Amino acid sequence: MTKSELADAAGVSSHTFTRWLKAHRQQLTAMGVGGKTQLLPPKAVIYICDTFCIDVG
């Protein structure tokens, strides 16, 4: 999934979603997600969905 798809699923703008992710930068960097990464690896998608209670199901 992309960051914009997750932002849509969460019901927020891409800008707001990016600000949410800044608080979790260390964990996301360890999963291979950089600041400009758009396509997220599955492990990062699971982490973000669990952390922000996003249902993509």
N, C-alpha and C. Protein backbone atom coordinates (compact mmCIF):
# COMPACT_ATOMS: atom_id res chain seq x y z
N MET A 1 0.84 -1.18 0.00
CA MET A 1 0.00 0.00 0.00
C MET A 1 0.88 1.25 0.00
N THR A 2 0.30 2.33 -0.43
CA THR A 2 1.02 3.59 -0.41
C THR A 2 0.59 4.40 0.80
N LYS A 3 1.36 5.41 1.11
CA LYS A 3 1.01 6.30 2.22
C LYS A 3 -0.32 6.99 1.96
N SER A 4 -0.56 7.39 0.72
CA SER A 4 -1.82 8.09 0.42
C SER A 4 -3.02 7.15 0.56
N GLU A 5 -2.86 5.88 0.21
CA GLU A 5 -3.95 4.92 0.39
C GLU A 5 -4.26 4.73 1.87
N LEU A 6 -3.23 4.66 2.69
CA LEU A 6 -3.45 4.53 4.13
C LEU A 6 -4.07 5.79 4.71
N ALA A 7 -3.67 6.95 4.22
CA ALA A 7 -4.26 8.21 4.68
C ALA A 7 -5.74 8.23 4.34
N ASP A 8 -6.11 7.80 3.14
CA ASP A 8 -7.52 7.73 2.75
C ASP A 8 -8.29 6.77 3.66
N ALA A 9 -7.69 5.62 3.95
CA ALA A 9 -8.34 4.64 4.83
C ALA A 9 -8.53 5.19 6.23
N ALA A 10 -7.61 6.06 6.67
CA ALA A 10 -7.71 6.66 8.00
C ALA A 10 -8.64 7.87 8.00
N GLY A 11 -8.98 8.37 6.82
CA GLY A 11 -9.87 9.51 6.72
C GLY A 11 -9.19 10.84 6.98
N VAL A 12 -7.90 10.93 6.68
CA VAL A 12 -7.15 12.17 6.89
C VAL A 12 -6.40 12.52 5.61
N SER A 13 -5.91 13.74 5.54
CA SER A 13 -5.13 14.16 4.39
C SER A 13 -3.74 13.52 4.43
N SER A 14 -3.09 13.52 3.28
CA SER A 14 -1.72 12.98 3.22
C SER A 14 -0.78 13.77 4.12
N HIS A 15 -0.99 15.07 4.19
CA HIS A 15 -0.14 15.93 5.03
C HIS A 15 -0.30 15.55 6.51
N THR A 16 -1.53 15.38 6.96
CA THR A 16 -1.78 14.99 8.35
C THR A 16 -1.18 13.61 8.63
N PHE A 17 -1.35 12.70 7.70
CA PHE A 17 -0.82 11.35 7.87
C PHE A 17 0.70 11.37 8.01
N THR A 18 1.35 12.20 7.20
CA THR A 18 2.81 12.33 7.29
C THR A 18 3.23 12.85 8.65
N ARG A 19 2.47 13.80 9.19
CA ARG A 19 2.79 14.31 10.53
C ARG A 19 2.61 13.23 11.58
N TRP A 20 1.59 12.38 11.44
CA TRP A 20 1.40 11.27 12.37
C TRP A 20 2.62 10.35 12.35
N LEU A 21 3.12 10.08 11.16
CA LEU A 21 4.24 9.14 11.02
C LEU A 21 5.54 9.67 11.61
N LYS A 22 5.69 10.97 11.68
CA LYS A 22 6.93 11.55 12.22
C LYS A 22 7.21 11.08 13.64
N ALA A 23 6.18 10.87 14.43
CA ALA A 23 6.36 10.42 15.81
C ALA A 23 6.88 8.99 15.88
N HIS A 24 6.79 8.26 14.76
CA HIS A 24 7.19 6.85 14.72
C HIS A 24 8.34 6.64 13.74
N ARG A 25 9.09 7.69 13.47
CA ARG A 25 10.16 7.65 12.47
C ARG A 25 11.19 6.57 12.76
N GLN A 26 11.59 6.41 14.01
CA GLN A 26 12.63 5.44 14.35
C GLN A 26 12.19 4.01 14.00
N GLN A 27 10.96 3.66 14.38
CA GLN A 27 10.46 2.31 14.09
C GLN A 27 10.31 2.10 12.59
N LEU A 28 9.81 3.11 11.88
CA LEU A 28 9.59 2.98 10.44
C LEU A 28 10.91 2.91 9.67
N THR A 29 11.90 3.67 10.12
CA THR A 29 13.22 3.63 9.48
C THR A 29 13.81 2.23 9.61
N ALA A 30 13.62 1.59 10.75
CA ALA A 30 14.12 0.23 10.96
C ALA A 30 13.44 -0.76 10.01
N MET A 31 12.23 -0.42 9.53
CA MET A 31 11.50 -1.28 8.59
C MET A 31 11.78 -0.90 7.13
N GLY A 32 12.67 0.06 6.92
CA GLY A 32 13.03 0.44 5.57
C GLY A 32 12.20 1.56 4.97
N VAL A 33 11.48 2.29 5.82
CA VAL A 33 10.63 3.38 5.34
C VAL A 33 11.34 4.70 5.60
N GLY A 34 11.63 5.42 4.52
CA GLY A 34 12.24 6.74 4.62
C GLY A 34 11.17 7.82 4.52
N GLY A 35 11.58 9.05 4.65
CA GLY A 35 10.64 10.16 4.60
C GLY A 35 9.94 10.31 3.27
N LYS A 36 10.61 9.93 2.19
CA LYS A 36 10.02 10.08 0.86
C LYS A 36 9.49 8.76 0.29
N THR A 37 9.55 7.70 1.07
CA THR A 37 9.04 6.41 0.62
C THR A 37 7.53 6.50 0.44
N GLN A 38 7.04 6.08 -0.70
CA GLN A 38 5.60 6.11 -0.95
C GLN A 38 4.98 4.72 -0.84
N LEU A 39 5.62 3.73 -1.46
CA LEU A 39 5.13 2.36 -1.41
C LEU A 39 5.71 1.68 -0.18
N LEU A 40 4.84 1.31 0.74
CA LEU A 40 5.29 0.78 2.03
C LEU A 40 5.39 -0.74 2.00
N PRO A 41 6.41 -1.28 2.67
CA PRO A 41 6.52 -2.74 2.77
C PRO A 41 5.40 -3.27 3.69
N PRO A 42 5.00 -4.52 3.48
CA PRO A 42 3.89 -5.09 4.26
C PRO A 42 4.07 -4.96 5.78
N LYS A 43 5.29 -5.15 6.26
CA LYS A 43 5.55 -5.06 7.70
C LYS A 43 5.22 -3.66 8.22
N ALA A 44 5.55 -2.63 7.44
CA ALA A 44 5.27 -1.25 7.83
C ALA A 44 3.77 -0.97 7.80
N VAL A 45 3.08 -1.52 6.80
CA VAL A 45 1.62 -1.33 6.71
C VAL A 45 0.94 -1.93 7.94
N ILE A 46 1.35 -3.11 8.32
CA ILE A 46 0.77 -3.76 9.51
C ILE A 46 1.03 -2.92 10.75
N TYR A 47 2.26 -2.45 10.90
CA TYR A 47 2.62 -1.63 12.06
C TYR A 47 1.77 -0.36 12.11
N ILE A 48 1.64 0.33 10.98
CA ILE A 48 0.87 1.58 10.93
C ILE A 48 -0.60 1.33 11.21
N CYS A 49 -1.15 0.28 10.62
CA CYS A 49 -2.58 -0.04 10.84
C CYS A 49 -2.84 -0.39 12.30
N ASP A 50 -1.95 -1.14 12.90
CA ASP A 50 -2.10 -1.48 14.32
C ASP A 50 -1.95 -0.25 15.22
N THR A 51 -0.98 0.60 14.91
CA THR A 51 -0.70 1.75 15.73
C THR A 51 -1.82 2.79 15.68
N PHE A 52 -2.38 3.02 14.48
CA PHE A 52 -3.38 4.07 14.32
C PHE A 52 -4.81 3.52 14.16
N CYS A 53 -4.98 2.22 14.41
CA CYS A 53 -6.31 1.57 14.33
C CYS A 53 -6.98 1.84 13.00
N ILE A 54 -6.26 1.55 11.92
CA ILE A 54 -6.78 1.72 10.57
C ILE A 54 -7.22 0.37 10.06
N ASP A 55 -8.47 0.28 9.61
CA ASP A 55 -9.01 -0.97 9.07
C ASP A 55 -8.95 -0.89 7.54
N VAL A 56 -8.07 -1.67 6.94
CA VAL A 56 -7.95 -1.67 5.50
C VAL A 56 -8.59 -2.92 4.89
N GLY A 57 -9.18 -3.72 5.74
CA GLY A 57 -9.70 -5.00 5.45
C GLY A 57 -10.65 -5.23 4.41
